[in-house]
Amino acid sequence: EEEEGSDEWEYETDSEEEDERKLVKPVFVPKNSRATIEERDKIDQEYEQIEVAEETRKEERKKETRNIVAEELQRERQIAAEREQAKGREDTDEEDVDGDEYDKWRLRELKRLKRDKEERSKFEAEKEDVIR
């Protein structure tokens, strides 16, 4: 019971704190003299400056992007032209090389066939010797 009685009276109210503070009388400030309007004007100017800076930055980025794309297209055209030139050179070389390579392949193929035929005849000869 003693605890309940002591807890009830220990809290403070907000009204007591307000009494301790001094109340200041409101003073009228003309619209032109108010700091909030000046701050708003400064903020508006800063936003305008930021917007202008962003627009210029966007324009610069567009120009850079266009330049990069133009350079890339030029590189691709140059590579394509080099490939065409190289292809033209390769075509003339391939005609001569194809003939030489074909002759070499044909010679290898004939040697392989001859070797296979000799092995078969040798195997047949051994088979006949085993049968006798």
C-alpha atoms as a PDB file:
ATOM      1  CA  GLU A   1       0.000   0.000   0.000  1.00  0.00           C
ATOM      2  CA  GLU A   2       2.821   2.359   0.737  1.00  0.00           C
ATOM      3  CA  GLU A   3       4.271   1.839  -2.733  1.00  0.00           C
ATOM      4  CA  GLU A   4       1.050   2.862  -4.447  1.00  0.00           C
ATOM      5  CA  GLY A   5       0.806   6.087  -2.548  1.00  0.00           C
ATOM      6  CA  SER A   6       4.365   7.147  -3.200  1.00  0.00           C
ATOM      7  CA  ASP A   7       4.257   6.380  -6.953  1.00  0.00           C
ATOM      8  CA  GLU A   8       1.222   8.513  -7.621  1.00  0.00           C
ATOM      9  CA  TRP A   9       2.818  11.835  -6.718  1.00  0.00           C
ATOM     10  CA  GLU A  10       6.302  11.426  -8.256  1.00  0.00           C
ATOM     11  CA  TYR A  11       5.599  12.436 -11.867  1.00  0.00           C
ATOM     12  CA  GLU A  12       5.946  15.954 -13.266  1.00  0.00           C
ATOM     13  CA  THR A  13       3.641  17.627 -15.732  1.00  0.00           C
ATOM     14  CA  ASP A  14       4.449  19.599 -18.837  1.00  0.00           C
ATOM     15  CA  SER A  15       2.643  22.614 -17.519  1.00  0.00           C
ATOM     16  CA  GLU A  16       5.120  22.971 -14.687  1.00  0.00           C
ATOM     17  CA  GLU A  17       8.029  23.009 -17.193  1.00  0.00           C
ATOM     18  CA  GLU A  18       6.301  25.661 -19.306  1.00  0.00           C
ATOM     19  CA  ASP A  19       5.934  27.897 -16.297  1.00  0.00           C
ATOM     20  CA  GLU A  20       9.683  27.782 -15.775  1.00  0.00           C
ATOM     21  CA  ARG A  21      10.388  28.998 -19.321  1.00  0.00           C
ATOM     22  CA  LYS A  22       9.961  32.632 -20.139  1.00  0.00           C
ATOM     23  CA  LEU A  23       7.311  33.321 -22.711  1.00  0.00           C
ATOM     24  CA  VAL A  24       8.479  35.582 -25.531  1.00  0.00           C
ATOM     25  CA  LYS A  25       6.077  38.049 -27.032  1.00  0.00           C
ATOM     26  CA  PRO A  26       5.550  37.483 -30.791  1.00  0.00           C
ATOM     27  CA  VAL A  27       6.986  40.244 -32.962  1.00  0.00           C
ATOM     28  CA  PHE A  28       5.671  41.045 -36.436  1.00  0.00           C
ATOM     29  CA  VAL A  29       8.300  40.787 -39.178  1.00  0.00           C
ATOM     30  CA  PRO A  30       7.454  42.269 -42.590  1.00  0.00           C
ATOM     31  CA  LYS A  31       7.393  39.851 -45.508  1.00  0.00           C
ATOM     32  CA  ASN A  32      10.470  41.397 -47.163  1.00  0.00           C
ATOM     33  CA  SER A  33      12.488  41.113 -43.955  1.00  0.00           C
ATOM     34  CA  ARG A  34      11.679  37.494 -43.260  1.00  0.00           C
ATOM     35  CA  ALA A  35      14.624  35.114 -43.505  1.00  0.00           C
ATOM     36  CA  THR A  36      12.449  32.274 -44.758  1.00  0.00           C
ATOM     37  CA  ILE A  37      11.679  34.064 -48.030  1.00  0.00           C
ATOM     38  CA  GLU A  38      15.346  34.828 -48.587  1.00  0.00           C
ATOM     39  CA  GLU A  39      16.187  31.213 -47.875  1.00  0.00           C
ATOM     40  CA  ARG A  40      13.504  30.067 -50.316  1.00  0.00           C
ATOM     41  CA  ASP A  41      14.895  32.395 -52.971  1.00  0.00           C
ATOM     42  CA  LYS A  42      18.407  31.016 -52.386  1.00  0.00           C
ATOM     43  CA  ILE A  43      17.131  27.459 -52.556  1.00  0.00           C
ATOM     44  CA  ASP A  44      15.206  28.232 -55.747  1.00  0.00           C
ATOM     45  CA  GLN A  45      18.312  29.769 -57.306  1.00  0.00           C
ATOM     46  CA  GLU A  46      20.390  26.765 -56.276  1.00  0.00           C
ATOM     47  CA  TYR A  47      17.814  24.416 -57.819  1.00  0.00           C
ATOM     48  CA  GLU A  48      17.857  26.432 -61.024  1.00  0.00           C
ATOM     49  CA  GLN A  49      21.647  26.292 -61.105  1.00  0.00           C
ATOM     50  CA  ILE A  50      21.564  22.555 -60.481  1.00  0.00           C
ATOM     51  CA  GLU A  51      19.019  22.072 -63.268  1.00  0.00           C
ATOM     52  CA  VAL A  52      21.121  24.131 -65.679  1.00  0.00           C
ATOM     53  CA  ALA A  53      24.215  22.129 -64.711  1.00  0.00           C
ATOM     54  CA  GLU A  54      22.334  18.864 -65.217  1.00  0.00           C
ATOM     55  CA  GLU A  55      21.097  19.977 -68.630  1.00  0.00           C
ATOM     56  CA  THR A  56      24.596  20.938 -69.743  1.00  0.00           C
ATOM     57  CA  ARG A  57      25.935  17.653 -68.368  1.00  0.00           C
ATOM     58  CA  LYS A  58      23.238  15.755 -70.286  1.00  0.00           C
ATOM     59  CA  GLU A  59      24.121  17.600 -73.489  1.00  0.00           C
ATOM     60  CA  GLU A  60      27.812  16.848 -72.996  1.00  0.00           C
ATOM     61  CA  ARG A  61      27.052  13.177 -72.387  1.00  0.00           C
ATOM     62  CA  LYS A  62      24.931  13.085 -75.553  1.00  0.00           C
ATOM     63  CA  LYS A  63      27.808  14.558 -77.537  1.00  0.00           C
ATOM     64  CA  GLU A  64      30.278  12.095 -76.001  1.00  0.00           C
ATOM     65  CA  THR A  65      27.953   9.204 -76.741  1.00  0.00           C
ATOM     66  CA  ARG A  66      27.530  10.311 -80.339  1.00  0.00           C
ATOM     67  CA  ASN A  67      31.309  10.613 -80.707  1.00  0.00           C
ATOM     68  CA  ILE A  68      31.838   7.150 -79.218  1.00  0.00           C
ATOM     69  CA  VAL A  69      29.236   5.643 -81.538  1.00  0.00           C
ATOM     70  CA  ALA A  70      30.764   7.410 -84.545  1.00  0.00           C
ATOM     71  CA  GLU A  71      34.241   6.142 -83.626  1.00  0.00           C
ATOM     72  CA  GLU A  72      32.935   2.604 -83.143  1.00  0.00           C
ATOM     73  CA  LEU A  73      31.182   2.669 -86.514  1.00  0.00           C
ATOM     74  CA  GLN A  74      34.342   3.948 -88.146  1.00  0.00           C
ATOM     75  CA  ARG A  75      36.371   1.142 -86.519  1.00  0.00           C
ATOM     76  CA  GLU A  76      33.851  -1.464 -87.675  1.00  0.00           C
ATOM     77  CA  ARG A  77      33.947  -0.112 -91.229  1.00  0.00           C
ATOM     78  CA  GLN A  78      37.732  -0.145 -91.174  1.00  0.00           C
ATOM     79  CA  ILE A  79      37.804  -3.723 -89.889  1.00  0.00           C
ATOM     80  CA  ALA A  80      35.283  -4.778 -92.533  1.00  0.00           C
ATOM     81  CA  ALA A  81      37.382  -3.119 -95.247  1.00  0.00           C
ATOM     82  CA  GLU A  82      40.529  -4.850 -93.978  1.00  0.00           C
ATOM     83  CA  ARG A  83      38.711  -8.193 -93.977  1.00  0.00           C
ATOM     84  CA  GLU A  84      37.558  -7.636 -97.540  1.00  0.00           C
ATOM     85  CA  GLN A  85      41.109  -6.818 -98.600  1.00  0.00           C
ATOM     86  CA  ALA A  86      42.459  -9.836 -96.748  1.00  0.00           C
ATOM     87  CA  LYS A  87      39.728 -12.035 -98.209  1.00  0.00           C
ATOM     88  CA  GLY A  88      40.594 -10.825-101.678  1.00  0.00           C
ATOM     89  CA  ARG A  89      44.213 -11.748-101.093  1.00  0.00           C
ATOM     90  CA  GLU A  90      43.276 -15.102 -99.572  1.00  0.00           C
ATOM     91  CA  ASP A  91      41.114 -16.004-102.554  1.00  0.00           C
ATOM     92  CA  THR A  92      44.008 -15.721-104.968  1.00  0.00           C
ATOM     93  CA  ASP A  93      46.286 -17.673-102.658  1.00  0.00           C
ATOM     94  CA  GLU A  94      43.739 -20.402-102.002  1.00  0.00           C
ATOM     95  CA  GLU A  95      43.482 -21.304-105.678  1.00  0.00           C
ATOM     96  CA  ASP A  96      47.191 -22.160-105.835  1.00  0.00           C
ATOM     97  CA  VAL A  97      47.251 -23.715-102.378  1.00  0.00           C
ATOM     98  CA  ASP A  98      44.167 -25.827-103.051  1.00  0.00           C
ATOM     99  CA  GLY A  99      45.803 -27.367-106.100  1.00  0.00           C
ATOM    100  CA  ASP A 100      49.002 -28.164-104.200  1.00  0.00           C
ATOM    101  CA  GLU A 101      47.132 -29.473-101.197  1.00  0.00           C
ATOM    102  CA  TYR A 102      44.901 -31.628-103.370  1.00  0.00           C
ATOM    103  CA  ASP A 103      47.927 -33.134-105.098  1.00  0.00           C
ATOM    104  CA  LYS A 104      49.556 -33.867-101.738  1.00  0.00           C
ATOM    105  CA  TRP A 105      46.362 -35.423-100.409  1.00  0.00           C
ATOM    106  CA  ARG A 106      45.951 -37.551-103.524  1.00  0.00           C
ATOM    107  CA  LEU A 107      49.510 -38.820-103.221  1.00  0.00           C
ATOM    108  CA  ARG A 108      48.981 -39.704 -99.532  1.00  0.00           C
ATOM    109  CA  GLU A 109      45.711 -41.429-100.343  1.00  0.00           C
ATOM    110  CA  LEU A 110      47.331 -43.532-103.106  1.00  0.00           C
ATOM    111  CA  LYS A 111      50.173 -44.515-100.769  1.00  0.00           C
ATOM    112  CA  ARG A 112      47.643 -45.513 -98.101  1.00  0.00           C
ATOM    113  CA  LEU A 113      45.666 -47.634-100.566  1.00  0.00           C
ATOM    114  CA  LYS A 114      48.847 -49.311-101.825  1.00  0.00           C
ATOM    115  CA  ARG A 115      49.974 -50.041 -98.244  1.00  0.00           C
ATOM    116  CA  ASP A 116      46.557 -51.471 -97.339  1.00  0.00           C
ATOM    117  CA  LYS A 117      46.596 -53.681-100.472  1.00  0.00           C
ATOM    118  CA  GLU A 118      50.085 -54.971 -99.606  1.00  0.00           C
ATOM    119  CA  GLU A 119      49.019 -55.730 -96.033  1.00  0.00           C
ATOM    120  CA  ARG A 120      45.956 -57.639 -97.264  1.00  0.00           C
ATOM    121  CA  SER A 121      48.015 -59.665 -99.727  1.00  0.00           C
ATOM    122  CA  LYS A 122      50.618 -60.380 -97.008  1.00  0.00           C
ATOM    123  CA  PHE A 123      47.859 -61.496 -94.624  1.00  0.00           C
ATOM    124  CA  GLU A 124      46.364 -63.742 -97.354  1.00  0.00           C
ATOM    125  CA  ALA A 125      49.811 -65.227 -98.014  1.00  0.00           C
ATOM    126  CA  GLU A 126      50.296 -65.990 -94.308  1.00  0.00           C
ATOM    127  CA  LYS A 127      46.805 -67.491 -94.146  1.00  0.00           C
ATOM    128  CA  GLU A 128      47.621 -69.812 -97.089  1.00  0.00           C
ATOM    129  CA  ASP A 129      50.902 -70.846 -95.430  1.00  0.00           C
ATOM    130  CA  VAL A 130      49.037 -71.749 -92.243  1.00  0.00           C
ATOM    131  CA  ILE A 131      46.503 -73.820 -94.190  1.00  0.00           C
ATOM    132  CA  ARG A 132      49.268 -75.847 -95.986  1.00  0.00           C
END
